[in-house]
Amino acid sequence: MSGYANAPSSGARFYAVRLKPGQDVVKELRAFVNANNLKAVSIVSVVGSLNTALLRYANTGVWAEVSGHFEIVSLVGTIDEKGEHLHISLSDRTGKTIGAHFGEGSAVYTTAEITLAEFTDLSFRRELCPQSGWEELIVEPRLSI
């Protein structure tokens, strides 16, 4: 990992949120981030279940909806004021696990217990990367006002 000697560090503030049946995880995360004026958020952990999820599998531009009863094995990502980059792993009742990008359009089945960390000294934003072709994370020191 050369070239990262000067990567900015930060303190963090933690939040815990519980989502209820039927709520859309991505919509609720966006609403929480905006309501609390958070600038640089990382998902610490998520425990819960979904009955609907919108997924984009690796190296595709196509979103697919899956329905059923799924345990959230993992949900990770970064969130800023204007967007997010989220990956989810879900398992079905047989233990079969799928993973993909996670988008708006999910529905909590029983619960989603979410812990978030806000990096208090950083701001996140996204910028089109000519190498990847996607909007990628830019990490900057937060300016004091």
C-alpha atoms as a PDB file:
ATOM      1  CA  MET A   1       0.000   0.000   0.000  1.00  0.00           C
ATOM      2  CA  SER A   2       2.535   2.532  -1.049  1.00  0.00           C
ATOM      3  CA  GLY A   3       1.525   6.162  -1.294  1.00  0.00           C
ATOM      4  CA  TYR A   4      -0.766   6.139   1.741  1.00  0.00           C
ATOM      5  CA  ALA A   5       1.659   7.396   4.384  1.00  0.00           C
ATOM      6  CA  ASN A   6      -0.222  10.696   4.563  1.00  0.00           C
ATOM      7  CA  ALA A   7      -3.765   9.288   4.606  1.00  0.00           C
ATOM      8  CA  PRO A   8      -5.840  11.442   6.974  1.00  0.00           C
ATOM      9  CA  SER A   9      -6.880   9.941  10.302  1.00  0.00           C
ATOM     10  CA  SER A  10      -9.921  10.824  12.336  1.00  0.00           C
ATOM     11  CA  GLY A  11     -11.819  10.410  15.526  1.00  0.00           C
ATOM     12  CA  ALA A  12     -15.252   8.846  15.276  1.00  0.00           C
ATOM     13  CA  ARG A  13     -18.746   9.144  16.704  1.00  0.00           C
ATOM     14  CA  PHE A  14     -20.914   6.021  16.780  1.00  0.00           C
ATOM     15  CA  TYR A  15     -24.649   5.606  16.242  1.00  0.00           C
ATOM     16  CA  ALA A  16     -26.997   2.649  16.706  1.00  0.00           C
ATOM     17  CA  VAL A  17     -30.247   2.403  14.755  1.00  0.00           C
ATOM     18  CA  ARG A  18     -32.920  -0.286  14.554  1.00  0.00           C
ATOM     19  CA  LEU A  19     -35.059  -0.580  11.446  1.00  0.00           C
ATOM     20  CA  LYS A  20     -38.457  -2.258  11.584  1.00  0.00           C
ATOM     21  CA  PRO A  21     -40.310  -4.593   9.211  1.00  0.00           C
ATOM     22  CA  GLY A  22     -40.997  -3.099   5.787  1.00  0.00           C
ATOM     23  CA  GLN A  23     -38.464  -0.274   6.007  1.00  0.00           C
ATOM     24  CA  ASP A  24     -36.019   0.223   3.118  1.00  0.00           C
ATOM     25  CA  VAL A  25     -32.462  -0.022   4.472  1.00  0.00           C
ATOM     26  CA  VAL A  26     -30.814   2.304   1.932  1.00  0.00           C
ATOM     27  CA  LYS A  27     -33.562   4.953   2.145  1.00  0.00           C
ATOM     28  CA  GLU A  28     -33.386   4.910   5.944  1.00  0.00           C
ATOM     29  CA  LEU A  29     -29.571   5.122   5.969  1.00  0.00           C
ATOM     30  CA  ARG A  30     -29.723   8.134   3.622  1.00  0.00           C
ATOM     31  CA  ALA A  31     -32.409   9.779   5.759  1.00  0.00           C
ATOM     32  CA  PHE A  32     -30.393   9.231   8.948  1.00  0.00           C
ATOM     33  CA  VAL A  33     -27.184  10.613   7.423  1.00  0.00           C
ATOM     34  CA  ASN A  34     -28.986  13.692   6.076  1.00  0.00           C
ATOM     35  CA  ALA A  35     -31.049  14.329   9.228  1.00  0.00           C
ATOM     36  CA  ASN A  36     -27.884  14.287  11.332  1.00  0.00           C
ATOM     37  CA  ASN A  37     -25.773  16.239   8.795  1.00  0.00           C
ATOM     38  CA  LEU A  38     -23.133  13.485   8.681  1.00  0.00           C
ATOM     39  CA  LYS A  39     -20.264  13.913   6.204  1.00  0.00           C
ATOM     40  CA  ALA A  40     -18.274  10.662   6.325  1.00  0.00           C
ATOM     41  CA  VAL A  41     -19.966   7.458   7.472  1.00  0.00           C
ATOM     42  CA  SER A  42     -18.906   3.822   7.514  1.00  0.00           C
ATOM     43  CA  ILE A  43     -21.166   0.912   8.391  1.00  0.00           C
ATOM     44  CA  VAL A  44     -19.709  -0.922  11.398  1.00  0.00           C
ATOM     45  CA  SER A  45     -22.169  -3.824  11.560  1.00  0.00           C
ATOM     46  CA  VAL A  46     -25.652  -4.899  10.562  1.00  0.00           C
ATOM     47  CA  VAL A  47     -27.616  -7.808  12.003  1.00  0.00           C
ATOM     48  CA  GLY A  48     -31.044  -8.565  10.625  1.00  0.00           C
ATOM     49  CA  SER A  49     -33.096  -9.924   7.784  1.00  0.00           C
ATOM     50  CA  LEU A  50     -34.690  -8.849   4.509  1.00  0.00           C
ATOM     51  CA  ASN A  51     -37.515 -10.189   2.387  1.00  0.00           C
ATOM     52  CA  THR A  52     -36.621  -8.063  -0.651  1.00  0.00           C
ATOM     53  CA  ALA A  53     -33.279  -6.699  -1.828  1.00  0.00           C
ATOM     54  CA  LEU A  54     -32.062  -4.819  -4.892  1.00  0.00           C
ATOM     55  CA  LEU A  55     -28.658  -6.146  -5.988  1.00  0.00           C
ATOM     56  CA  ARG A  56     -26.130  -5.344  -8.701  1.00  0.00           C
ATOM     57  CA  TYR A  57     -23.767  -8.229  -9.267  1.00  0.00           C
ATOM     58  CA  ALA A  58     -20.064  -7.769 -10.020  1.00  0.00           C
ATOM     59  CA  ASN A  59     -19.120  -6.183 -13.333  1.00  0.00           C
ATOM     60  CA  THR A  60     -22.705  -5.564 -14.454  1.00  0.00           C
ATOM     61  CA  GLY A  61     -24.752  -2.413 -14.736  1.00  0.00           C
ATOM     62  CA  VAL A  62     -28.008  -4.287 -14.181  1.00  0.00           C
ATOM     63  CA  TRP A  63     -29.958  -4.228 -10.918  1.00  0.00           C
ATOM     64  CA  ALA A  64     -31.917  -7.353  -9.942  1.00  0.00           C
ATOM     65  CA  GLU A  65     -34.545  -7.727  -7.242  1.00  0.00           C
ATOM     66  CA  VAL A  66     -34.442 -10.858  -5.095  1.00  0.00           C
ATOM     67  CA  SER A  67     -37.331 -11.892  -2.867  1.00  0.00           C
ATOM     68  CA  GLY A  68     -37.564 -14.437  -0.060  1.00  0.00           C
ATOM     69  CA  HIS A  69     -36.425 -14.609   3.544  1.00  0.00           C
ATOM     70  CA  PHE A  70     -32.750 -13.671   3.836  1.00  0.00           C
ATOM     71  CA  GLU A  71     -30.397 -13.240   6.770  1.00  0.00           C
ATOM     72  CA  ILE A  72     -28.014 -10.304   6.427  1.00  0.00           C
ATOM     73  CA  VAL A  73     -24.613 -11.985   6.720  1.00  0.00           C
ATOM     74  CA  SER A  74     -22.744  -8.755   6.057  1.00  0.00           C
ATOM     75  CA  LEU A  75     -23.537  -5.198   5.011  1.00  0.00           C
ATOM     76  CA  VAL A  76     -20.564  -2.884   4.583  1.00  0.00           C
ATOM     77  CA  GLY A  77     -19.929   0.415   2.910  1.00  0.00           C
ATOM     78  CA  THR A  78     -19.352   4.134   3.006  1.00  0.00           C
ATOM     79  CA  ILE A  79     -21.973   6.879   2.957  1.00  0.00           C
ATOM     80  CA  ASP A  80     -21.651  10.596   2.294  1.00  0.00           C
ATOM     81  CA  GLU A  81     -24.130  13.458   1.921  1.00  0.00           C
ATOM     82  CA  LYS A  82     -24.968  12.621  -1.681  1.00  0.00           C
ATOM     83  CA  GLY A  83     -24.427   8.908  -2.085  1.00  0.00           C
ATOM     84  CA  GLU A  84     -23.199   5.591  -0.860  1.00  0.00           C
ATOM     85  CA  HIS A  85     -21.249   2.515  -1.886  1.00  0.00           C
ATOM     86  CA  LEU A  86     -22.726  -0.549  -0.203  1.00  0.00           C
ATOM     87  CA  HIS A  87     -22.066  -4.284  -0.509  1.00  0.00           C
ATOM     88  CA  ILE A  88     -24.281  -6.944   1.043  1.00  0.00           C
ATOM     89  CA  SER A  89     -24.086 -10.688   1.595  1.00  0.00           C
ATOM     90  CA  LEU A  90     -27.376 -12.506   2.153  1.00  0.00           C
ATOM     91  CA  SER A  91     -28.072 -16.138   3.020  1.00  0.00           C
ATOM     92  CA  ASP A  92     -31.284 -18.036   2.378  1.00  0.00           C
ATOM     93  CA  ARG A  93     -32.851 -20.759   4.541  1.00  0.00           C
ATOM     94  CA  THR A  94     -30.458 -23.370   3.118  1.00  0.00           C
ATOM     95  CA  GLY A  95     -27.396 -21.249   3.899  1.00  0.00           C
ATOM     96  CA  LYS A  96     -26.743 -20.411   0.254  1.00  0.00           C
ATOM     97  CA  THR A  97     -25.082 -17.004   0.259  1.00  0.00           C
ATOM     98  CA  ILE A  98     -25.029 -14.325  -2.420  1.00  0.00           C
ATOM     99  CA  GLY A  99     -23.210 -11.022  -2.432  1.00  0.00           C
ATOM    100  CA  ALA A 100     -23.480  -7.870  -4.520  1.00  0.00           C
ATOM    101  CA  HIS A 101     -23.765  -4.107  -4.556  1.00  0.00           C
ATOM    102  CA  PHE A 102     -26.819  -3.121  -2.495  1.00  0.00           C
ATOM    103  CA  GLY A 103     -29.305  -0.500  -3.635  1.00  0.00           C
ATOM    104  CA  GLU A 104     -32.536   1.207  -2.702  1.00  0.00           C
ATOM    105  CA  GLY A 105     -35.532  -1.099  -2.853  1.00  0.00           C
ATOM    106  CA  SER A 106     -35.076  -3.461   0.089  1.00  0.00           C
ATOM    107  CA  ALA A 107     -37.612  -4.402   2.729  1.00  0.00           C
ATOM    108  CA  VAL A 108     -36.642  -5.384   6.276  1.00  0.00           C
ATOM    109  CA  TYR A 109     -38.210  -8.719   7.251  1.00  0.00           C
ATOM    110  CA  THR A 110     -37.917  -8.801  11.067  1.00  0.00           C
ATOM    111  CA  THR A 111     -35.286  -6.248  12.058  1.00  0.00           C
ATOM    112  CA  ALA A 112     -32.098  -4.522  10.960  1.00  0.00           C
ATOM    113  CA  GLU A 113     -29.838  -3.546  13.854  1.00  0.00           C
ATOM    114  CA  ILE A 114     -27.311  -1.112  12.409  1.00  0.00           C
ATOM    115  CA  THR A 115     -24.236   0.494  13.930  1.00  0.00           C
ATOM    116  CA  LEU A 116     -22.572   3.377  12.107  1.00  0.00           C
ATOM    117  CA  ALA A 117     -19.353   5.326  12.587  1.00  0.00           C
ATOM    118  CA  GLU A 118     -19.067   8.951  11.547  1.00  0.00           C
ATOM    119  CA  PHE A 119     -15.483  10.079  10.943  1.00  0.00           C
ATOM    120  CA  THR A 120     -15.618  13.442  12.689  1.00  0.00           C
ATOM    121  CA  ASP A 121     -12.482  14.890  11.069  1.00  0.00           C
ATOM    122  CA  LEU A 122     -13.142  13.758   7.477  1.00  0.00           C
ATOM    123  CA  SER A 123     -15.517  14.414   4.599  1.00  0.00           C
ATOM    124  CA  PHE A 124     -16.395  11.855   1.939  1.00  0.00           C
ATOM    125  CA  ARG A 125     -17.464  12.633  -1.600  1.00  0.00           C
ATOM    126  CA  ARG A 126     -17.473  10.740  -4.879  1.00  0.00           C
ATOM    127  CA  GLU A 127     -15.862  11.581  -8.170  1.00  0.00           C
ATOM    128  CA  LEU A 128     -15.849   9.817 -11.519  1.00  0.00           C
ATOM    129  CA  CYS A 129     -12.687   7.716 -11.782  1.00  0.00           C
ATOM    130  CA  PRO A 130     -11.339   7.415 -15.339  1.00  0.00           C
ATOM    131  CA  GLN A 131      -9.711   4.073 -14.461  1.00  0.00           C
ATOM    132  CA  SER A 132     -12.789   2.318 -13.057  1.00  0.00           C
ATOM    133  CA  GLY A 133     -15.518   4.238 -14.876  1.00  0.00           C
ATOM    134  CA  TRP A 134     -17.468   4.577 -11.613  1.00  0.00           C
ATOM    135  CA  GLU A 135     -17.886   7.351  -9.077  1.00  0.00           C
ATOM    136  CA  GLU A 136     -15.289   6.483  -6.435  1.00  0.00           C
ATOM    137  CA  LEU A 137     -14.631   7.653  -2.895  1.00  0.00           C
ATOM    138  CA  ILE A 138     -12.609  10.799  -2.233  1.00  0.00           C
ATOM    139  CA  VAL A 139     -11.503  11.241   1.403  1.00  0.00           C
ATOM    140  CA  GLU A 140     -10.653  14.761   2.547  1.00  0.00           C
ATOM    141  CA  PRO A 141      -9.933  16.434   5.883  1.00  0.00           C
ATOM    142  CA  ARG A 142     -13.069  18.175   7.145  1.00  0.00           C
ATOM    143  CA  LEU A 143     -12.769  21.926   7.088  1.00  0.00           C
ATOM    144  CA  SER A 144     -13.486  23.694  10.365  1.00  0.00           C
ATOM    145  CA  ILE A 145     -15.928  26.570  10.197  1.00  0.00           C
END
